[in-house]
N, C-alpha and C. Protein backbone atom coordinates (compact mmCIF):
# COMPACT_ATOMS: atom_id res chain seq x y z
N UNK A 1 -121.33 265.80 207.54
CA UNK A 1 -121.26 265.56 209.27
C UNK A 1 -122.91 265.44 209.32
N UNK A 2 -123.24 266.44 208.89
CA UNK A 2 -124.55 266.65 208.58
C UNK A 2 -125.95 265.90 208.70
N UNK A 3 -125.14 264.92 207.59
CA UNK A 3 -126.82 264.37 207.40
C UNK A 3 -126.37 262.95 208.44
N UNK A 4 -124.80 262.53 208.87
CA UNK A 4 -125.11 262.20 210.47
C UNK A 4 -125.88 262.40 211.39
N UNK A 5 -125.32 263.45 211.40
CA UNK A 5 -126.32 264.24 212.42
C UNK A 5 -127.59 263.97 212.79
N UNK A 6 -128.38 264.53 211.16
CA UNK A 6 -129.53 263.81 211.01
C UNK A 6 -130.36 262.82 210.97
N UNK A 7 -129.01 261.98 210.51
CA UNK A 7 -129.08 260.48 210.56
C UNK A 7 -129.73 260.07 212.19
N UNK A 8 -128.70 260.53 213.09
CA UNK A 8 -128.40 260.13 214.48
C UNK A 8 -130.04 260.58 215.10
N UNK A 9 -130.22 262.36 214.87
CA UNK A 9 -131.57 262.98 215.17
C UNK A 9 -132.48 262.13 215.07
N UNK A 10 -133.23 261.28 213.67
CA UNK A 10 -134.22 260.75 213.27
C UNK A 10 -134.75 259.43 213.95
N UNK A 11 -133.19 258.89 213.99
CA UNK A 11 -132.95 257.59 214.99
C UNK A 11 -133.34 257.64 216.67
N UNK A 12 -133.26 259.27 217.17
CA UNK A 12 -134.01 259.13 218.71
C UNK A 12 -135.30 259.80 218.26
N UNK A 13 -136.55 259.90 216.89
CA UNK A 13 -137.13 260.25 216.97
C UNK A 13 -137.56 261.98 216.53
N UNK A 14 -136.70 262.45 216.02
CA UNK A 14 -136.85 264.06 215.75
C UNK A 14 -137.15 263.71 213.88
N UNK A 15 -138.13 265.10 213.32
CA UNK A 15 -137.75 265.10 212.13
C UNK A 15 -136.93 265.43 211.21
N UNK A 16 -135.59 264.67 210.94
CA UNK A 16 -134.76 265.73 210.29
C UNK A 16 -134.12 265.41 209.57
N UNK A 17 -133.52 266.03 208.12
CA UNK A 17 -132.91 265.76 207.64
C UNK A 17 -131.79 266.56 207.18
N UNK A 18 -130.80 266.66 206.48
CA UNK A 18 -129.40 267.06 206.45
C UNK A 18 -129.71 267.80 204.41
N UNK A 19 -129.29 269.55 204.17
CA UNK A 19 -130.01 270.41 203.39
C UNK A 19 -128.06 270.78 202.54
N UNK A 20 -128.30 270.64 201.61
CA UNK A 20 -127.18 271.94 201.10
C UNK A 20 -127.87 273.19 200.45
N UNK A 21 -127.60 273.70 201.63
CA UNK A 21 -128.22 275.23 200.29
C UNK A 21 -127.72 276.16 200.07
N UNK A 22 -126.92 275.48 199.22
CA UNK A 22 -125.67 276.58 198.45
C UNK A 22 -124.58 276.43 198.61
N UNK A 23 -123.62 277.08 197.65
CA UNK A 23 -122.52 277.11 199.03
C UNK A 23 -121.54 276.94 198.79
N UNK A 24 -122.19 275.68 199.48
CA UNK A 24 -121.60 274.43 200.79
C UNK A 24 -121.77 274.47 201.48
N UNK A 25 -122.58 275.26 202.18
CA UNK A 25 -123.41 275.33 203.35
C UNK A 25 -124.44 274.20 203.40
N UNK A 26 -124.14 273.54 204.48
CA UNK A 26 -124.40 271.83 205.20
C UNK A 26 -125.31 272.47 206.19
N UNK A 27 -126.66 271.51 205.87
CA UNK A 27 -127.91 271.80 207.85
C UNK A 27 -128.41 270.66 207.77
N UNK A 28 -128.74 271.12 208.80
CA UNK A 28 -129.19 270.21 209.71
C UNK A 28 -130.87 270.67 209.71
N UNK A 29 -131.63 270.11 209.00
CA UNK A 29 -133.49 270.89 209.23
C UNK A 29 -134.26 269.61 210.19
N UNK A 30 -134.74 270.63 211.37
CA UNK A 30 -135.70 269.89 212.22
C UNK A 30 -136.94 270.28 211.48
N UNK A 31 -138.02 269.36 211.48
CA UNK A 31 -139.33 270.46 211.78
C UNK A 31 -140.08 270.28 212.76
N UNK A 32 -140.70 271.61 212.86
CA UNK A 32 -141.78 271.86 213.83
C UNK A 32 -143.06 271.73 213.70
N UNK A 33 -143.11 271.99 215.31
CA UNK A 33 -144.85 270.60 215.77
C UNK A 33 -146.10 271.94 214.81
N UNK A 34 -145.66 272.63 215.33
CA UNK A 34 -146.83 273.66 214.38
C UNK A 34 -146.09 274.62 213.15
N UNK A 35 -145.31 273.93 212.25
CA UNK A 35 -145.55 274.43 210.72
C UNK A 35 -143.54 275.28 211.03
N UNK A 36 -143.35 274.97 210.31
CA UNK A 36 -142.11 276.22 210.13
C UNK A 36 -140.47 274.45 210.39
N UNK A 37 -139.69 275.37 210.47
CA UNK A 37 -138.46 274.93 210.45
C UNK A 37 -137.90 275.00 211.40
N UNK A 38 -136.74 274.08 211.93
CA UNK A 38 -135.30 274.83 213.17
C UNK A 38 -134.47 274.31 211.81
N UNK A 39 -132.96 274.85 211.34
CA UNK A 39 -132.55 275.01 210.25
C UNK A 39 -131.04 275.03 211.45
N UNK A 40 -130.28 273.91 211.75
CA UNK A 40 -129.13 273.79 212.69
C UNK A 40 -127.45 273.61 211.30
N UNK A 41 -126.66 274.56 211.96
CA UNK A 41 -125.41 274.83 210.60
C UNK A 41 -124.43 275.35 211.80
N UNK A 42 -123.02 275.33 210.88
CA UNK A 42 -122.02 275.41 211.65
C UNK A 42 -121.38 276.53 211.15
N UNK A 43 -122.20 277.40 210.91
CA UNK A 43 -121.36 279.09 210.10
C UNK A 43 -121.02 279.66 210.63
N UNK A 44 -121.03 279.60 212.89
CA UNK A 44 -120.20 280.59 213.53
C UNK A 44 -119.33 279.22 214.20
N UNK A 45 -118.59 279.92 215.37
CA UNK A 45 -117.51 278.49 215.77
C UNK A 45 -118.45 278.27 216.43
N UNK A 46 -119.56 277.99 217.59
CA UNK A 46 -120.30 276.72 217.86
C UNK A 46 -121.11 276.68 217.03
N UNK A 47 -122.23 275.08 216.85
CA UNK A 47 -123.83 275.19 216.42
C UNK A 47 -124.78 275.83 216.77
N UNK A 48 -125.37 276.42 215.78
CA UNK A 48 -126.34 277.32 215.95
C UNK A 48 -127.62 277.17 215.02
N UNK A 49 -128.88 277.89 215.20
CA UNK A 49 -129.52 277.53 214.58
C UNK A 49 -130.83 278.04 214.97
N UNK A 50 -131.28 278.46 214.03
CA UNK A 50 -132.27 279.61 212.92
C UNK A 50 -133.73 278.87 213.28
N UNK A 51 -134.58 280.15 214.18
CA UNK A 51 -135.93 278.42 213.94
C UNK A 51 -136.42 279.56 213.62
N UNK A 52 -137.97 278.68 212.05
CA UNK A 52 -138.38 279.85 211.19
C UNK A 52 -140.12 279.39 211.05
N UNK A 53 -140.82 280.15 210.98
CA UNK A 53 -141.97 280.23 211.29
C UNK A 53 -142.78 279.24 209.68
N UNK A 54 -143.76 279.06 209.48
CA UNK A 54 -143.90 278.25 208.58
C UNK A 54 -143.98 279.51 206.95
N UNK A 55 -144.24 280.43 207.35
CA UNK A 55 -144.11 281.40 205.94
C UNK A 55 -142.17 281.40 206.14
N UNK A 56 -141.38 280.95 206.60
CA UNK A 56 -140.11 281.38 206.02
C UNK A 56 -139.59 281.93 206.68
N UNK A 57 -139.87 282.64 207.94
CA UNK A 57 -140.26 283.80 208.46
C UNK A 57 -139.08 283.80 209.29
N UNK A 58 -137.74 283.81 209.98
CA UNK A 58 -137.46 284.26 211.14
C UNK A 58 -137.52 284.25 212.29
N UNK A 59 -137.96 283.31 213.70
CA UNK A 59 -138.47 283.89 214.26
C UNK A 59 -137.91 284.46 215.70
N UNK A 60 -136.82 283.25 216.40
CA UNK A 60 -135.46 283.55 216.91
C UNK A 60 -133.98 282.95 216.76
N UNK A 61 -132.76 282.41 217.21
CA UNK A 61 -131.77 281.36 216.95
C UNK A 61 -131.91 280.70 218.15
N UNK A 62 -131.14 279.82 218.25
CA UNK A 62 -130.61 278.97 219.41
C UNK A 62 -128.45 279.19 219.01
N UNK A 63 -127.98 278.91 219.55
CA UNK A 63 -126.72 278.87 220.40
C UNK A 63 -126.46 277.54 220.64
N UNK A 64 -125.44 276.85 220.84
CA UNK A 64 -124.66 276.14 221.44
C UNK A 64 -123.20 275.65 221.90
N UNK A 65 -123.08 275.16 222.80
CA UNK A 65 -121.74 274.74 223.11
C UNK A 65 -120.71 274.29 222.54
N UNK A 66 -121.12 273.86 221.64
CA UNK A 66 -120.79 272.95 220.48
C UNK A 66 -120.15 272.59 219.90
N UNK A 67 -118.61 272.95 219.56
CA UNK A 67 -117.99 273.35 218.70
C UNK A 67 -118.11 273.43 216.55
N UNK A 68 -117.99 273.86 215.99
CA UNK A 68 -118.81 273.71 214.79
C UNK A 68 -117.82 272.10 214.03
N UNK A 69 -116.45 272.55 214.59
CA UNK A 69 -115.70 272.08 214.18
C UNK A 69 -115.54 270.16 214.32
N UNK A 70 -116.70 269.81 215.73
CA UNK A 70 -116.11 268.77 215.74
C UNK A 70 -116.90 267.47 214.90
N UNK A 71 -116.47 266.77 215.08
CA UNK A 71 -116.77 266.14 214.28
C UNK A 71 -117.53 264.38 215.60
N UNK A 72 -117.86 264.36 216.54
CA UNK A 72 -118.89 264.26 217.42
C UNK A 72 -119.95 264.23 217.39
N UNK A 73 -120.31 262.99 216.67
CA UNK A 73 -121.89 263.21 216.29
C UNK A 73 -122.09 262.64 217.27
N UNK A 74 -121.99 261.76 218.78
CA UNK A 74 -122.95 262.09 219.99
C UNK A 74 -123.24 263.68 220.33
N UNK A 75 -121.87 263.31 220.46
CA UNK A 75 -121.94 265.09 221.17
C UNK A 75 -123.15 266.57 220.37
N UNK A 76 -122.87 265.97 218.76
CA UNK A 76 -123.35 266.99 218.35
C UNK A 76 -125.36 266.63 218.71
N UNK A 77 -125.20 265.67 218.56
CA UNK A 77 -126.79 265.75 219.35
C UNK A 77 -127.72 265.72 220.49
N UNK A 78 -126.06 265.67 221.24
CA UNK A 78 -126.29 265.72 222.66
C UNK A 78 -126.83 267.58 223.35
N UNK A 79 -126.25 268.25 222.28
CA UNK A 79 -126.28 269.91 222.25
C UNK A 79 -126.88 270.37 221.75
N UNK A 80 -128.03 269.65 220.60
CA UNK A 80 -129.25 270.28 219.98
C UNK A 80 -130.43 270.10 220.02
N UNK A 81 -130.15 268.69 220.54
CA UNK A 81 -131.38 268.24 220.93
C UNK A 81 -132.24 268.85 221.84
N UNK A 82 -131.79 269.02 223.06
CA UNK A 82 -133.07 269.82 223.96
C UNK A 82 -133.21 271.00 223.79
N UNK A 83 -132.72 272.00 222.83
CA UNK A 83 -132.80 273.65 222.64
C UNK A 83 -133.85 273.28 221.42
N UNK A 84 -133.90 272.32 220.37
CA UNK A 84 -134.83 272.22 220.00
C UNK A 84 -136.48 271.69 220.15
N UNK A 85 -136.20 270.46 220.98
CA UNK A 85 -137.34 270.66 221.89
C UNK A 85 -137.96 272.07 222.15
N UNK A 86 -137.76 272.82 222.97
CA UNK A 86 -137.51 273.55 223.37
C UNK A 86 -138.20 274.85 222.39
N UNK A 87 -137.91 274.70 221.18
CA UNK A 87 -138.15 275.22 220.33
C UNK A 87 -139.51 274.83 218.95
N UNK A 88 -139.86 273.70 219.76
CA UNK A 88 -140.94 273.23 218.78
C UNK A 88 -140.83 271.84 218.06
N UNK A 89 -139.56 271.51 217.90
CA UNK A 89 -138.81 270.86 216.93
C UNK A 89 -140.67 269.37 217.02
N UNK A 90 -140.72 268.83 215.66
CA UNK A 90 -141.46 268.00 216.23
C UNK A 90 -140.67 266.05 216.19
N UNK A 91 -141.58 265.54 217.44
CA UNK A 91 -140.37 264.27 216.99
C UNK A 91 -142.15 263.56 217.11
N UNK A 92 -141.62 261.78 217.14
CA UNK A 92 -142.41 261.06 217.77
C UNK A 92 -141.67 260.29 218.09
N UNK A 93 -141.97 260.50 219.63
CA UNK A 93 -141.34 259.30 220.75
C UNK A 93 -140.95 260.47 221.36
N UNK A 94 -140.25 259.59 222.34
CA UNK A 94 -140.11 260.51 223.85
C UNK A 94 -138.23 261.04 223.50
N UNK A 95 -138.42 261.44 223.63
CA UNK A 95 -137.19 262.53 223.40
C UNK A 95 -136.21 262.97 224.22
């Protein structure tokens, strides 16, 4: 599902990819304008993210109300796009 979410975010103007961080943990990674990444995943009950700087240090975390088990790509994208923009996600258009 993370591949589909990353593809959908890329389609609307984010610089997004999916990543296997090992141990069965799959994430959606968004690049930030000023370096660093926003790393979205489903490790908790809802989709959430760590916001990291260009040195890989965690700056903050983000939460959504979108359940981790959701298979609704549009709902997941809708849940994470606003928080991503607010956290400095790099975009190529008008997201």
